[in-house]
Amino acid sequence: MTRVVLLALGLAAGAVFALPAEAHESRPLYIEVSEKAPLTFLVRWKIPPSVKVRNAPEVSMTNECMATTPRPAAGAGRGNLRYRSFRCEADPAGTALRIHYPLFNPSVSTLVRISRLSGETHSLVASPDDREVIIPAVESFGSIARDYLTLGVQHILGGYDHLLFLVCLLLIAGTGRRILVTITGFTIAHSVTLALSALGVVRVPVAPVEAAIALSIVFLAVEIVRGDPDSLTYRYPIAVAASFGLLHGFGFAAVLGETGLPQTEIPAALFFFNLGVEVGQIAFVVGIIFVYQLARSALGALGLRALAADRLHQLRTPAAYAVGSLASLWMIQRVATFWTG
């Protein structure tokens, strides 16, 4: 089983993933839609200073929602707040919130916040060219399960640091039974801290957590280079996996911190996000095994299986050095954000 992950370890060590983040600052048109009573909505919007009063926008709901207050008069100053009430014949989910500028498009973005009676909220951003914003459907168990399961899968498969840590764990565990026990310990541990952090029970700064996650990869890479079968890491890989799993759980929770949890189905969102992470982990491991077996079969057909096994074993140390160097670079970059972020 050790050979199963060596190929993936070598390939992963050859790339550096740099994902620059850019932020664009603007002053958008802010619209707030609040459900005050069943099918009754108050729409308020604040005109940004960059928009002239004579070009102040009008905001309206779908034709099935009738205005119960008159159209607001033109304000006397900049940045003024306007409002209008609507009574809908049916739930407006899936219909458009319309934005109309009387003179011309001022090319400003639109930020929309929707609050429902159930407590759920939605924040939407429309580009300067959009003149309609679709009101999201009311949260349901099915939609939350689908969305958060997908989010969990996408996060783990795009989290290269988590995947490299997982590969190192597999390499250290070695046998199938030890791999199963080790991954189970990692899963339970990160599930605990994910839930505690997402629910706000425990709060840990994101930047130090991300730096410590990179350090955990460096630690396992050093253990692989040493290759000491009597070390604590090799004798009890589940202890190492569970300990660092607590740390990685805080990293997973950072994604939910950016996305937010639904107000109506918090347990379902947590469960399916975590399930998505596990599905992604399993898919990753299965993919490694598939690629290894495919390469082994191809080399076996050429009569090079023994030679291939020997060469893969020789790659163990340089691959671990490469992984450790990559993780060290990540750690330095993340520590630097303590003062620049």
C-alpha atoms as a PDB file:
ATOM      1  CA  MET A   1       0.000   0.000   0.000  1.00  0.00           C
ATOM      2  CA  THR A   2       2.999   2.279   0.553  1.00  0.00           C
ATOM      3  CA  ARG A   3       3.723   2.112  -3.150  1.00  0.00           C
ATOM      4  CA  VAL A   4       0.182   3.182  -3.896  1.00  0.00           C
ATOM      5  CA  VAL A   5       0.809   6.725  -2.719  1.00  0.00           C
ATOM      6  CA  LEU A   6       4.447   7.198  -3.706  1.00  0.00           C
ATOM      7  CA  LEU A   7       3.582   8.148  -7.275  1.00  0.00           C
ATOM      8  CA  ALA A   8       1.046  10.728  -6.141  1.00  0.00           C
ATOM      9  CA  LEU A   9       3.475  12.079  -3.552  1.00  0.00           C
ATOM     10  CA  GLY A  10       6.139  12.616  -6.192  1.00  0.00           C
ATOM     11  CA  LEU A  11       3.743  14.295  -8.603  1.00  0.00           C
ATOM     12  CA  ALA A  12       2.249  16.550  -5.947  1.00  0.00           C
ATOM     13  CA  ALA A  13       5.687  17.678  -4.837  1.00  0.00           C
ATOM     14  CA  GLY A  14       6.515  19.058  -8.266  1.00  0.00           C
ATOM     15  CA  ALA A  15       4.069  21.950  -8.330  1.00  0.00           C
ATOM     16  CA  VAL A  16       3.630  25.125  -6.362  1.00  0.00           C
ATOM     17  CA  PHE A  17       0.098  26.383  -6.143  1.00  0.00           C
ATOM     18  CA  ALA A  18      -0.058  30.146  -5.819  1.00  0.00           C
ATOM     19  CA  LEU A  19      -3.575  31.577  -5.786  1.00  0.00           C
ATOM     20  CA  PRO A  20      -3.410  35.372  -5.619  1.00  0.00           C
ATOM     21  CA  ALA A  21      -6.341  37.119  -4.058  1.00  0.00           C
ATOM     22  CA  GLU A  22      -7.458  40.517  -5.269  1.00  0.00           C
ATOM     23  CA  ALA A  23     -10.089  42.769  -3.812  1.00  0.00           C
ATOM     24  CA  HIS A  24     -11.965  45.448  -5.712  1.00  0.00           C
ATOM     25  CA  GLU A  25     -13.334  48.236  -3.569  1.00  0.00           C
ATOM     26  CA  SER A  26     -16.489  50.017  -4.746  1.00  0.00           C
ATOM     27  CA  ARG A  27     -19.531  51.836  -3.433  1.00  0.00           C
ATOM     28  CA  PRO A  28     -22.519  49.829  -4.616  1.00  0.00           C
ATOM     29  CA  LEU A  29     -26.209  50.500  -4.625  1.00  0.00           C
ATOM     30  CA  TYR A  30     -27.415  48.806  -1.435  1.00  0.00           C
ATOM     31  CA  ILE A  31     -30.860  47.172  -1.437  1.00  0.00           C
ATOM     32  CA  GLU A  32     -32.442  45.515   1.576  1.00  0.00           C
ATOM     33  CA  VAL A  33     -35.543  43.344   1.189  1.00  0.00           C
ATOM     34  CA  SER A  34     -37.182  42.408   4.502  1.00  0.00           C
ATOM     35  CA  GLU A  35     -40.185  40.139   4.906  1.00  0.00           C
ATOM     36  CA  LYS A  36     -42.207  41.898   7.614  1.00  0.00           C
ATOM     37  CA  ALA A  37     -45.233  39.586   7.495  1.00  0.00           C
ATOM     38  CA  PRO A  38     -46.217  36.605   5.320  1.00  0.00           C
ATOM     39  CA  LEU A  39     -45.944  37.790   1.685  1.00  0.00           C
ATOM     40  CA  THR A  40     -45.391  41.396   2.812  1.00  0.00           C
ATOM     41  CA  PHE A  41     -42.014  42.964   2.059  1.00  0.00           C
ATOM     42  CA  LEU A  42     -40.299  46.238   2.823  1.00  0.00           C
ATOM     43  CA  VAL A  43     -37.745  47.240   0.187  1.00  0.00           C
ATOM     44  CA  ARG A  44     -35.196  49.870   1.168  1.00  0.00           C
ATOM     45  CA  TRP A  45     -32.346  51.120  -0.961  1.00  0.00           C
ATOM     46  CA  LYS A  46     -29.501  53.544  -0.391  1.00  0.00           C
ATOM     47  CA  ILE A  47     -28.253  55.547  -3.334  1.00  0.00           C
ATOM     48  CA  PRO A  48     -24.430  55.729  -3.413  1.00  0.00           C
ATOM     49  CA  PRO A  49     -22.783  59.180  -3.508  1.00  0.00           C
ATOM     50  CA  SER A  50     -21.529  58.577  -7.050  1.00  0.00           C
ATOM     51  CA  VAL A  51     -25.096  58.539  -8.439  1.00  0.00           C
ATOM     52  CA  LYS A  52     -26.734  61.927  -9.066  1.00  0.00           C
ATOM     53  CA  VAL A  53     -30.096  62.494  -7.419  1.00  0.00           C
ATOM     54  CA  ARG A  54     -31.842  63.074 -10.731  1.00  0.00           C
ATOM     55  CA  ASN A  55     -30.672  59.625 -11.836  1.00  0.00           C
ATOM     56  CA  ALA A  56     -31.686  57.943  -8.567  1.00  0.00           C
ATOM     57  CA  PRO A  57     -32.821  54.357  -9.221  1.00  0.00           C
ATOM     58  CA  GLU A  58     -36.275  52.911  -8.663  1.00  0.00           C
ATOM     59  CA  VAL A  59     -36.464  49.406  -7.193  1.00  0.00           C
ATOM     60  CA  SER A  60     -39.532  47.224  -7.673  1.00  0.00           C
ATOM     61  CA  MET A  61     -40.581  43.621  -7.222  1.00  0.00           C
ATOM     62  CA  THR A  62     -42.289  41.263  -9.657  1.00  0.00           C
ATOM     63  CA  ASN A  63     -45.695  41.990 -11.182  1.00  0.00           C
ATOM     64  CA  GLU A  64     -47.264  39.584  -8.675  1.00  0.00           C
ATOM     65  CA  CYS A  65     -46.205  41.958  -5.903  1.00  0.00           C
ATOM     66  CA  MET A  66     -48.227  45.168  -5.704  1.00  0.00           C
ATOM     67  CA  ALA A  67     -46.791  48.307  -4.116  1.00  0.00           C
ATOM     68  CA  THR A  68     -48.722  49.397  -1.032  1.00  0.00           C
ATOM     69  CA  THR A  69     -46.899  52.701  -0.604  1.00  0.00           C
ATOM     70  CA  PRO A  70     -46.445  55.441  -3.227  1.00  0.00           C
ATOM     71  CA  ARG A  71     -43.337  55.755  -5.325  1.00  0.00           C
ATOM     72  CA  PRO A  72     -40.689  57.642  -3.323  1.00  0.00           C
ATOM     73  CA  ALA A  73     -40.102  61.244  -4.292  1.00  0.00           C
ATOM     74  CA  ALA A  74     -36.709  62.440  -5.436  1.00  0.00           C
ATOM     75  CA  GLY A  75     -34.423  63.138  -2.486  1.00  0.00           C
ATOM     76  CA  ALA A  76     -32.754  66.420  -1.781  1.00  0.00           C
ATOM     77  CA  GLY A  77     -29.249  65.137  -1.251  1.00  0.00           C
ATOM     78  CA  ARG A  78     -26.743  62.457  -2.066  1.00  0.00           C
ATOM     79  CA  GLY A  79     -26.560  59.040  -0.474  1.00  0.00           C
ATOM     80  CA  ASN A  80     -30.240  59.194   0.554  1.00  0.00           C
ATOM     81  CA  LEU A  81     -32.295  56.225   1.695  1.00  0.00           C
ATOM     82  CA  ARG A  82     -35.604  55.300   0.079  1.00  0.00           C
ATOM     83  CA  TYR A  83     -38.162  52.621   0.775  1.00  0.00           C
ATOM     84  CA  ARG A  84     -41.342  51.038  -0.556  1.00  0.00           C
ATOM     85  CA  SER A  85     -43.663  48.272   0.694  1.00  0.00           C
ATOM     86  CA  PHE A  86     -45.036  45.418  -1.429  1.00  0.00           C
ATOM     87  CA  ARG A  87     -47.747  42.815  -0.942  1.00  0.00           C
ATOM     88  CA  CYS A  88     -47.276  39.631  -2.990  1.00  0.00           C
ATOM     89  CA  GLU A  89     -49.893  37.153  -4.168  1.00  0.00           C
ATOM     90  CA  ALA A  90     -47.390  34.297  -3.888  1.00  0.00           C
ATOM     91  CA  ASP A  91     -43.900  33.815  -2.538  1.00  0.00           C
ATOM     92  CA  PRO A  92     -41.524  35.859  -4.760  1.00  0.00           C
ATOM     93  CA  ALA A  93     -38.741  33.264  -4.656  1.00  0.00           C
ATOM     94  CA  GLY A  94     -37.368  32.809  -8.156  1.00  0.00           C
ATOM     95  CA  THR A  95     -38.725  36.135  -9.409  1.00  0.00           C
ATOM     96  CA  ALA A  96     -36.781  39.276 -10.223  1.00  0.00           C
ATOM     97  CA  LEU A  97     -36.060  42.347  -8.171  1.00  0.00           C
ATOM     98  CA  ARG A  98     -35.901  45.124 -10.778  1.00  0.00           C
ATOM     99  CA  ILE A  99     -33.596  48.154 -10.786  1.00  0.00           C
ATOM    100  CA  HIS A 100     -34.359  51.091 -13.073  1.00  0.00           C
ATOM    101  CA  TYR A 101     -32.225  54.192 -13.570  1.00  0.00           C
ATOM    102  CA  PRO A 102     -34.305  56.937 -15.222  1.00  0.00           C
ATOM    103  CA  LEU A 103     -31.490  58.577 -17.207  1.00  0.00           C
ATOM    104  CA  PHE A 104     -28.537  56.253 -17.773  1.00  0.00           C
ATOM    105  CA  ASN A 105     -26.618  53.321 -16.339  1.00  0.00           C
ATOM    106  CA  PRO A 106     -24.113  54.754 -13.833  1.00  0.00           C
ATOM    107  CA  SER A 107     -22.072  51.521 -13.855  1.00  0.00           C
ATOM    108  CA  VAL A 108     -22.240  50.749 -10.161  1.00  0.00           C
ATOM    109  CA  SER A 109     -22.547  47.299  -8.641  1.00  0.00           C
ATOM    110  CA  THR A 110     -25.559  46.321  -6.560  1.00  0.00           C
ATOM    111  CA  LEU A 111     -25.486  44.625  -3.177  1.00  0.00           C
ATOM    112  CA  VAL A 112     -28.763  42.976  -2.162  1.00  0.00           C
ATOM    113  CA  ARG A 113     -29.583  41.576   1.269  1.00  0.00           C
ATOM    114  CA  ILE A 114     -32.771  39.556   1.664  1.00  0.00           C
ATOM    115  CA  SER A 115     -34.204  38.660   5.090  1.00  0.00           C
ATOM    116  CA  ARG A 116     -37.062  36.184   5.480  1.00  0.00           C
ATOM    117  CA  LEU A 117     -39.432  35.621   8.375  1.00  0.00           C
ATOM    118  CA  SER A 118     -37.853  32.214   8.999  1.00  0.00           C
ATOM    119  CA  GLY A 119     -34.595  33.945   9.905  1.00  0.00           C
ATOM    120  CA  GLU A 120     -32.707  32.959   6.774  1.00  0.00           C
ATOM    121  CA  THR A 121     -30.794  35.683   4.968  1.00  0.00           C
ATOM    122  CA  HIS A 122     -29.200  35.947   1.537  1.00  0.00           C
ATOM    123  CA  SER A 123     -26.543  38.361   0.314  1.00  0.00           C
ATOM    124  CA  LEU A 124     -26.278  38.808  -3.440  1.00  0.00           C
ATOM    125  CA  VAL A 125     -24.016  40.911  -5.639  1.00  0.00           C
ATOM    126  CA  ALA A 126     -25.049  42.077  -9.110  1.00  0.00           C
ATOM    127  CA  SER A 127     -22.665  43.470 -11.701  1.00  0.00           C
ATOM    128  CA  PRO A 128     -23.069  47.028 -13.057  1.00  0.00           C
ATOM    129  CA  ASP A 129     -24.766  45.636 -16.189  1.00  0.00           C
ATOM    130  CA  ASP A 130     -27.433  43.678 -14.295  1.00  0.00           C
ATOM    131  CA  ARG A 131     -30.791  45.347 -13.917  1.00  0.00           C
ATOM    132  CA  GLU A 132     -32.516  42.374 -12.330  1.00  0.00           C
ATOM    133  CA  VAL A 133     -31.604  40.265  -9.307  1.00  0.00           C
ATOM    134  CA  ILE A 134     -33.307  36.903  -8.854  1.00  0.00           C
ATOM    135  CA  ILE A 135     -34.677  36.344  -5.363  1.00  0.00           C
ATOM    136  CA  PRO A 136     -33.328  32.981  -4.101  1.00  0.00           C
ATOM    137  CA  ALA A 137     -35.638  30.109  -3.289  1.00  0.00           C
ATOM    138  CA  VAL A 138     -36.547  29.507   0.317  1.00  0.00           C
ATOM    139  CA  GLU A 139     -34.055  27.224   1.997  1.00  0.00           C
ATOM    140  CA  SER A 140     -35.027  23.570   2.127  1.00  0.00           C
ATOM    141  CA  PHE A 141     -33.349  20.488   3.517  1.00  0.00           C
ATOM    142  CA  GLY A 142     -32.742  19.152   0.008  1.00  0.00           C
ATOM    143  CA  SER A 143     -31.172  22.319  -1.371  1.00  0.00           C
ATOM    144  CA  ILE A 144     -28.949  22.754   1.687  1.00  0.00           C
ATOM    145  CA  ALA A 145     -27.840  19.118   1.523  1.00  0.00           C
ATOM    146  CA  ARG A 146     -26.931  19.469  -2.148  1.00  0.00           C
ATOM    147  CA  ASP A 147     -25.176  22.824  -1.846  1.00  0.00           C
ATOM    148  CA  TYR A 148     -23.100  22.023   1.237  1.00  0.00           C
ATOM    149  CA  LEU A 149     -22.206  18.519   0.070  1.00  0.00           C
ATOM    150  CA  THR A 150     -20.876  20.055  -3.140  1.00  0.00           C
ATOM    151  CA  LEU A 151     -19.043  22.751  -1.197  1.00  0.00           C
ATOM    152  CA  GLY A 152     -17.326  20.137   0.974  1.00  0.00           C
ATOM    153  CA  VAL A 153     -16.181  18.090  -2.025  1.00  0.00           C
ATOM    154  CA  GLN A 154     -14.910  21.179  -3.845  1.00  0.00           C
ATOM    155  CA  HIS A 155     -13.031  22.404  -0.799  1.00  0.00           C
ATOM    156  CA  ILE A 156     -11.119  19.209  -0.071  1.00  0.00           C
ATOM    157  CA  LEU A 157     -10.241  18.568  -3.727  1.00  0.00           C
ATOM    158  CA  GLY A 158      -9.045  22.157  -4.062  1.00  0.00           C
ATOM    159  CA  GLY A 159      -7.213  22.151  -0.726  1.00  0.00           C
ATOM    160  CA  TYR A 160      -3.767  21.047  -1.824  1.00  0.00           C
ATOM    161  CA  ASP A 161      -2.332  21.335   1.673  1.00  0.00           C
ATOM    162  CA  HIS A 162      -5.007  18.999   3.082  1.00  0.00           C
ATOM    163  CA  LEU A 163      -4.419  16.520   0.260  1.00  0.00           C
ATOM    164  CA  LEU A 164      -0.647  16.494   0.727  1.00  0.00           C
ATOM    165  CA  PHE A 165      -1.139  15.915   4.443  1.00  0.00           C
ATOM    166  CA  LEU A 166      -3.465  13.025   3.601  1.00  0.00           C
ATOM    167  CA  VAL A 167      -0.919  11.501   1.228  1.00  0.00           C
ATOM    168  CA  CYS A 168       1.786  11.701   3.904  1.00  0.00           C
ATOM    169  CA  LEU A 169      -0.539   9.973   6.370  1.00  0.00           C
ATOM    170  CA  LEU A 170      -1.176   7.137   3.911  1.00  0.00           C
ATOM    171  CA  LEU A 171       2.517   6.717   3.286  1.00  0.00           C
ATOM    172  CA  ILE A 172       3.320   6.523   6.997  1.00  0.00           C
ATOM    173  CA  ALA A 173       0.399   4.207   7.820  1.00  0.00           C
ATOM    174  CA  GLY A 174       1.503   1.702   5.175  1.00  0.00           C
ATOM    175  CA  THR A 175      -0.909  -1.238   5.486  1.00  0.00           C
ATOM    176  CA  GLY A 176      -4.592  -1.241   4.642  1.00  0.00           C
ATOM    177  CA  ARG A 177      -5.776  -1.717   8.236  1.00  0.00           C
ATOM    178  CA  ARG A 178      -3.502   1.027   9.607  1.00  0.00           C
ATOM    179  CA  ILE A 179      -4.634   3.358   6.818  1.00  0.00           C
ATOM    180  CA  LEU A 180      -8.279   2.769   7.719  1.00  0.00           C
ATOM    181  CA  VAL A 181      -7.657   3.444  11.414  1.00  0.00           C
ATOM    182  CA  THR A 182      -5.507   6.498  10.705  1.00  0.00           C
ATOM    183  CA  ILE A 183      -7.976   8.134   8.311  1.00  0.00           C
ATOM    184  CA  THR A 184     -10.830   7.409  10.735  1.00  0.00           C
ATOM    185  CA  GLY A 185      -8.947   9.238  13.505  1.00  0.00           C
ATOM    186  CA  PHE A 186      -8.272  12.171  11.197  1.00  0.00           C
ATOM    187  CA  THR A 187     -11.943  12.317  10.173  1.00  0.00           C
ATOM    188  CA  ILE A 188     -13.342  12.232  13.704  1.00  0.00           C
ATOM    189  CA  ALA A 189     -10.899  14.872  14.921  1.00  0.00           C
ATOM    190  CA  HIS A 190     -11.481  17.400  12.158  1.00  0.00           C
ATOM    191  CA  SER A 191     -15.248  16.844  12.375  1.00  0.00           C
ATOM    192  CA  VAL A 192     -15.202  17.896  16.036  1.00  0.00           C
ATOM    193  CA  THR A 193     -13.297  21.156  15.535  1.00  0.00           C
ATOM    194  CA  LEU A 194     -15.188  21.918  12.330  1.00  0.00           C
ATOM    195  CA  ALA A 195     -18.486  21.828  14.220  1.00  0.00           C
ATOM    196  CA  LEU A 196     -17.190  23.740  17.247  1.00  0.00           C
ATOM    197  CA  SER A 197     -15.682  26.488  15.121  1.00  0.00           C
ATOM    198  CA  ALA A 198     -18.584  26.773  12.677  1.00  0.00           C
ATOM    199  CA  LEU A 199     -21.049  27.099  15.554  1.00  0.00           C
ATOM    200  CA  GLY A 200     -18.917  29.761  17.232  1.00  0.00           C
ATOM    201  CA  VAL A 201     -18.172  27.690  20.336  1.00  0.00           C
ATOM    202  CA  VAL A 202     -14.433  27.959  19.711  1.00  0.00           C
ATOM    203  CA  ARG A 203     -12.869  30.843  17.814  1.00  0.00           C
ATOM    204  CA  VAL A 204      -9.359  30.569  16.390  1.00  0.00           C
ATOM    205  CA  PRO A 205      -7.721  33.121  14.042  1.00  0.00           C
ATOM    206  CA  VAL A 206      -7.557  31.780  10.500  1.00  0.00           C
ATOM    207  CA  ALA A 207      -4.031  32.937   9.583  1.00  0.00           C
ATOM    208  CA  PRO A 208      -2.193  31.055  12.380  1.00  0.00           C
ATOM    209  CA  VAL A 209      -4.280  27.947  11.680  1.00  0.00           C
ATOM    210  CA  GLU A 210      -3.330  27.962   7.996  1.00  0.00           C
ATOM    211  CA  ALA A 211       0.348  28.401   8.883  1.00  0.00           C
ATOM    212  CA  ALA A 212       0.151  25.536  11.391  1.00  0.00           C
ATOM    213  CA  ILE A 213      -1.480  23.287   8.762  1.00  0.00           C
ATOM    214  CA  ALA A 214       1.508  23.854   6.488  1.00  0.00           C
ATOM    215  CA  LEU A 215       3.802  23.097   9.448  1.00  0.00           C
ATOM    216  CA  SER A 216       1.970  19.788   9.999  1.00  0.00           C
ATOM    217  CA  ILE A 217       2.921  18.731   6.456  1.00  0.00           C
ATOM    218  CA  VAL A 218       6.551  19.658   7.134  1.00  0.00           C
ATOM    219  CA  PHE A 219       6.463  17.506  10.261  1.00  0.00           C
ATOM    220  CA  LEU A 220       5.194  14.436   8.367  1.00  0.00           C
ATOM    221  CA  ALA A 221       7.696  14.982   5.553  1.00  0.00           C
ATOM    222  CA  VAL A 222      10.522  14.973   8.105  1.00  0.00           C
ATOM    223  CA  GLU A 223       9.167  11.744   9.589  1.00  0.00           C
ATOM    224  CA  ILE A 224       9.093  10.138   6.140  1.00  0.00           C
ATOM    225  CA  VAL A 225      12.712  11.152   5.489  1.00  0.00           C
ATOM    226  CA  ARG A 226      13.799   9.776   8.860  1.00  0.00           C
ATOM    227  CA  GLY A 227      11.907   6.537   8.248  1.00  0.00           C
ATOM    228  CA  ASP A 228      12.295   5.410  11.863  1.00  0.00           C
ATOM    229  CA  PRO A 229       9.822   2.537  12.423  1.00  0.00           C
ATOM    230  CA  ASP A 230      10.215   2.923  16.207  1.00  0.00           C
ATOM    231  CA  SER A 231       9.142   6.586  16.259  1.00  0.00           C
ATOM    232  CA  LEU A 232       5.817   7.576  17.785  1.00  0.00           C
ATOM    233  CA  THR A 233       4.555   8.687  14.372  1.00  0.00           C
ATOM    234  CA  TYR A 234       5.119   5.269  12.765  1.00  0.00           C
ATOM    235  CA  ARG A 235       3.991   3.258  15.767  1.00  0.00           C
ATOM    236  CA  TYR A 236       0.820   5.265  16.432  1.00  0.00           C
ATOM    237  CA  PRO A 237      -0.129   7.111  13.226  1.00  0.00           C
ATOM    238  CA  ILE A 238      -3.699   7.512  14.493  1.00  0.00           C
ATOM    239  CA  ALA A 239      -2.424   9.710  17.349  1.00  0.00           C
ATOM    240  CA  VAL A 240      -0.663  12.020  14.902  1.00  0.00           C
ATOM    241  CA  ALA A 241      -3.619  12.001  12.510  1.00  0.00           C
ATOM    242  CA  ALA A 242      -6.117  12.855  15.248  1.00  0.00           C
ATOM    243  CA  SER A 243      -3.928  15.565  16.768  1.00  0.00           C
ATOM    244  CA  PHE A 244      -3.367  17.336  13.473  1.00  0.00           C
ATOM    245  CA  GLY A 245      -6.952  16.550  12.436  1.00  0.00           C
ATOM    246  CA  LEU A 246      -8.142  18.928  15.156  1.00  0.00           C
ATOM    247  CA  LEU A 247      -6.056  21.612  13.509  1.00  0.00           C
ATOM    248  CA  HIS A 248      -7.279  20.865   9.984  1.00  0.00           C
ATOM    249  CA  GLY A 249     -10.877  21.048  11.202  1.00  0.00           C
ATOM    250  CA  PHE A 250     -10.373  24.735  11.974  1.00  0.00           C
ATOM    251  CA  GLY A 251      -9.111  25.149   8.416  1.00  0.00           C
ATOM    252  CA  PHE A 252     -12.258  23.518   7.020  1.00  0.00           C
ATOM    253  CA  ALA A 253     -14.384  25.778   9.229  1.00  0.00           C
ATOM    254  CA  ALA A 254     -12.776  28.856   7.659  1.00  0.00           C
ATOM    255  CA  VAL A 255     -14.589  27.983   4.424  1.00  0.00           C
ATOM    256  CA  LEU A 256     -17.926  27.929   6.225  1.00  0.00           C
ATOM    257  CA  GLY A 257     -16.969  31.208   7.869  1.00  0.00           C
ATOM    258  CA  GLU A 258     -16.692  32.796   4.416  1.00  0.00           C
ATOM    259  CA  THR A 259     -19.791  31.100   3.012  1.00  0.00           C
ATOM    260  CA  GLY A 260     -21.965  31.229   6.114  1.00  0.00           C
ATOM    261  CA  LEU A 261     -24.386  28.726   7.567  1.00  0.00           C
ATOM    262  CA  PRO A 262     -28.100  28.724   6.767  1.00  0.00           C
ATOM    263  CA  GLN A 263     -30.345  29.956   9.537  1.00  0.00           C
ATOM    264  CA  THR A 264     -32.927  27.179   9.171  1.00  0.00           C
ATOM    265  CA  GLU A 265     -30.917  23.974   8.733  1.00  0.00           C
ATOM    266  CA  ILE A 266     -27.605  24.446  10.541  1.00  0.00           C
ATOM    267  CA  PRO A 267     -27.136  20.772  11.573  1.00  0.00           C
ATOM    268  CA  ALA A 268     -27.871  19.614   8.019  1.00  0.00           C
ATOM    269  CA  ALA A 269     -25.399  22.107   6.551  1.00  0.00           C
ATOM    270  CA  LEU A 270     -22.640  21.007   8.937  1.00  0.00           C
ATOM    271  CA  PHE A 271     -23.331  17.322   8.356  1.00  0.00           C
ATOM    272  CA  PHE A 272     -23.384  17.524   4.566  1.00  0.00           C
ATOM    273  CA  PHE A 273     -20.361  19.813   4.347  1.00  0.00           C
ATOM    274  CA  ASN A 274     -18.390  17.337   6.438  1.00  0.00           C
ATOM    275  CA  LEU A 275     -19.798  14.461   4.380  1.00  0.00           C
ATOM    276  CA  GLY A 276     -18.632  16.259   1.248  1.00  0.00           C
ATOM    277  CA  VAL A 277     -15.135  16.525   2.702  1.00  0.00           C
ATOM    278  CA  GLU A 278     -15.136  12.765   3.358  1.00  0.00           C
ATOM    279  CA  VAL A 279     -16.457  11.973  -0.115  1.00  0.00           C
ATOM    280  CA  GLY A 280     -13.677  14.105  -1.583  1.00  0.00           C
ATOM    281  CA  GLN A 281     -11.067  12.332   0.549  1.00  0.00           C
ATOM    282  CA  ILE A 282     -12.301   8.912  -0.536  1.00  0.00           C
ATOM    283  CA  ALA A 283     -12.363   9.969  -4.187  1.00  0.00           C
ATOM    284  CA  PHE A 284      -8.793  11.232  -3.878  1.00  0.00           C
ATOM    285  CA  VAL A 285      -7.516   7.999  -2.312  1.00  0.00           C
ATOM    286  CA  VAL A 286      -9.383   5.860  -4.851  1.00  0.00           C
ATOM    287  CA  GLY A 287      -7.892   7.982  -7.629  1.00  0.00           C
ATOM    288  CA  ILE A 288      -4.377   7.400  -6.298  1.00  0.00           C
ATOM    289  CA  ILE A 289      -4.958   3.653  -6.117  1.00  0.00           C
ATOM    290  CA  PHE A 290      -6.415   3.594  -9.628  1.00  0.00           C
ATOM    291  CA  VAL A 291      -3.488   5.475 -11.150  1.00  0.00           C
ATOM    292  CA  TYR A 292      -0.984   3.290  -9.312  1.00  0.00           C
ATOM    293  CA  GLN A 293      -2.658   0.058 -10.357  1.00  0.00           C
ATOM    294  CA  LEU A 294      -2.899   1.272 -13.949  1.00  0.00           C
ATOM    295  CA  ALA A 295       0.816   2.121 -14.011  1.00  0.00           C
ATOM    296  CA  ARG A 296       1.686  -1.174 -12.328  1.00  0.00           C
ATOM    297  CA  SER A 297      -0.307  -3.156 -14.885  1.00  0.00           C
ATOM    298  CA  ALA A 298       1.311  -1.315 -17.769  1.00  0.00           C
ATOM    299  CA  LEU A 299       4.807  -1.868 -16.399  1.00  0.00           C
ATOM    300  CA  GLY A 300       3.965  -5.469 -15.555  1.00  0.00           C
ATOM    301  CA  ALA A 301       2.997  -6.081 -19.149  1.00  0.00           C
ATOM    302  CA  LEU A 302       6.455  -4.887 -20.126  1.00  0.00           C
ATOM    303  CA  GLY A 303       8.125  -7.097 -17.540  1.00  0.00           C
ATOM    304  CA  LEU A 304       9.356  -4.109 -15.488  1.00  0.00           C
ATOM    305  CA  ARG A 305       7.258  -4.509 -12.347  1.00  0.00           C
ATOM    306  CA  ALA A 306      10.159  -5.328 -10.023  1.00  0.00           C
ATOM    307  CA  LEU A 307      12.271  -2.520 -11.457  1.00  0.00           C
ATOM    308  CA  ALA A 308       9.381  -0.067 -11.071  1.00  0.00           C
ATOM    309  CA  ALA A 309       8.863  -1.039  -7.426  1.00  0.00           C
ATOM    310  CA  ASP A 310      12.545  -0.493  -6.697  1.00  0.00           C
ATOM    311  CA  ARG A 311      12.568   2.891  -8.398  1.00  0.00           C
ATOM    312  CA  LEU A 312       9.444   4.016  -6.552  1.00  0.00           C
ATOM    313  CA  HIS A 313      11.056   3.088  -3.241  1.00  0.00           C
ATOM    314  CA  GLN A 314      14.090   5.176  -4.164  1.00  0.00           C
ATOM    315  CA  LEU A 315      11.800   8.171  -4.770  1.00  0.00           C
ATOM    316  CA  ARG A 316      10.568   8.126  -1.173  1.00  0.00           C
ATOM    317  CA  THR A 317      13.228  10.407   0.303  1.00  0.00           C
ATOM    318  CA  PRO A 318      13.512  12.998  -2.511  1.00  0.00           C
ATOM    319  CA  ALA A 319       9.719  13.156  -2.769  1.00  0.00           C
ATOM    320  CA  ALA A 320       9.458  13.815   0.970  1.00  0.00           C
ATOM    321  CA  TYR A 321      12.098  16.543   0.674  1.00  0.00           C
ATOM    322  CA  ALA A 322      10.104  18.134  -2.161  1.00  0.00           C
ATOM    323  CA  VAL A 323       6.854  17.995  -0.186  1.00  0.00           C
ATOM    324  CA  GLY A 324       8.542  19.413   2.897  1.00  0.00           C
ATOM    325  CA  SER A 325      10.076  22.257   0.864  1.00  0.00           C
ATOM    326  CA  LEU A 326       6.721  23.108  -0.699  1.00  0.00           C
ATOM    327  CA  ALA A 327       4.985  23.064   2.679  1.00  0.00           C
ATOM    328  CA  SER A 328       7.758  25.213   4.156  1.00  0.00           C
ATOM    329  CA  LEU A 329       7.174  27.777   1.425  1.00  0.00           C
ATOM    330  CA  TRP A 330       3.462  27.792   2.222  1.00  0.00           C
ATOM    331  CA  MET A 331       4.242  28.225   5.901  1.00  0.00           C
ATOM    332  CA  ILE A 332       6.517  31.213   5.258  1.00  0.00           C
ATOM    333  CA  GLN A 333       3.932  32.838   3.002  1.00  0.00           C
ATOM    334  CA  ARG A 334       1.189  32.342   5.593  1.00  0.00           C
ATOM    335  CA  VAL A 335       3.282  33.581   8.491  1.00  0.00           C
ATOM    336  CA  ALA A 336       4.038  36.708   6.448  1.00  0.00           C
ATOM    337  CA  THR A 337       0.306  37.483   6.364  1.00  0.00           C
ATOM    338  CA  PHE A 338       0.385  37.963  10.152  1.00  0.00           C
ATOM    339  CA  TRP A 339       1.774  41.436   9.500  1.00  0.00           C
ATOM    340  CA  THR A 340       0.619  42.153   5.938  1.00  0.00           C
ATOM    341  CA  GLY A 341      -2.864  40.572   5.932  1.00  0.00           C
END
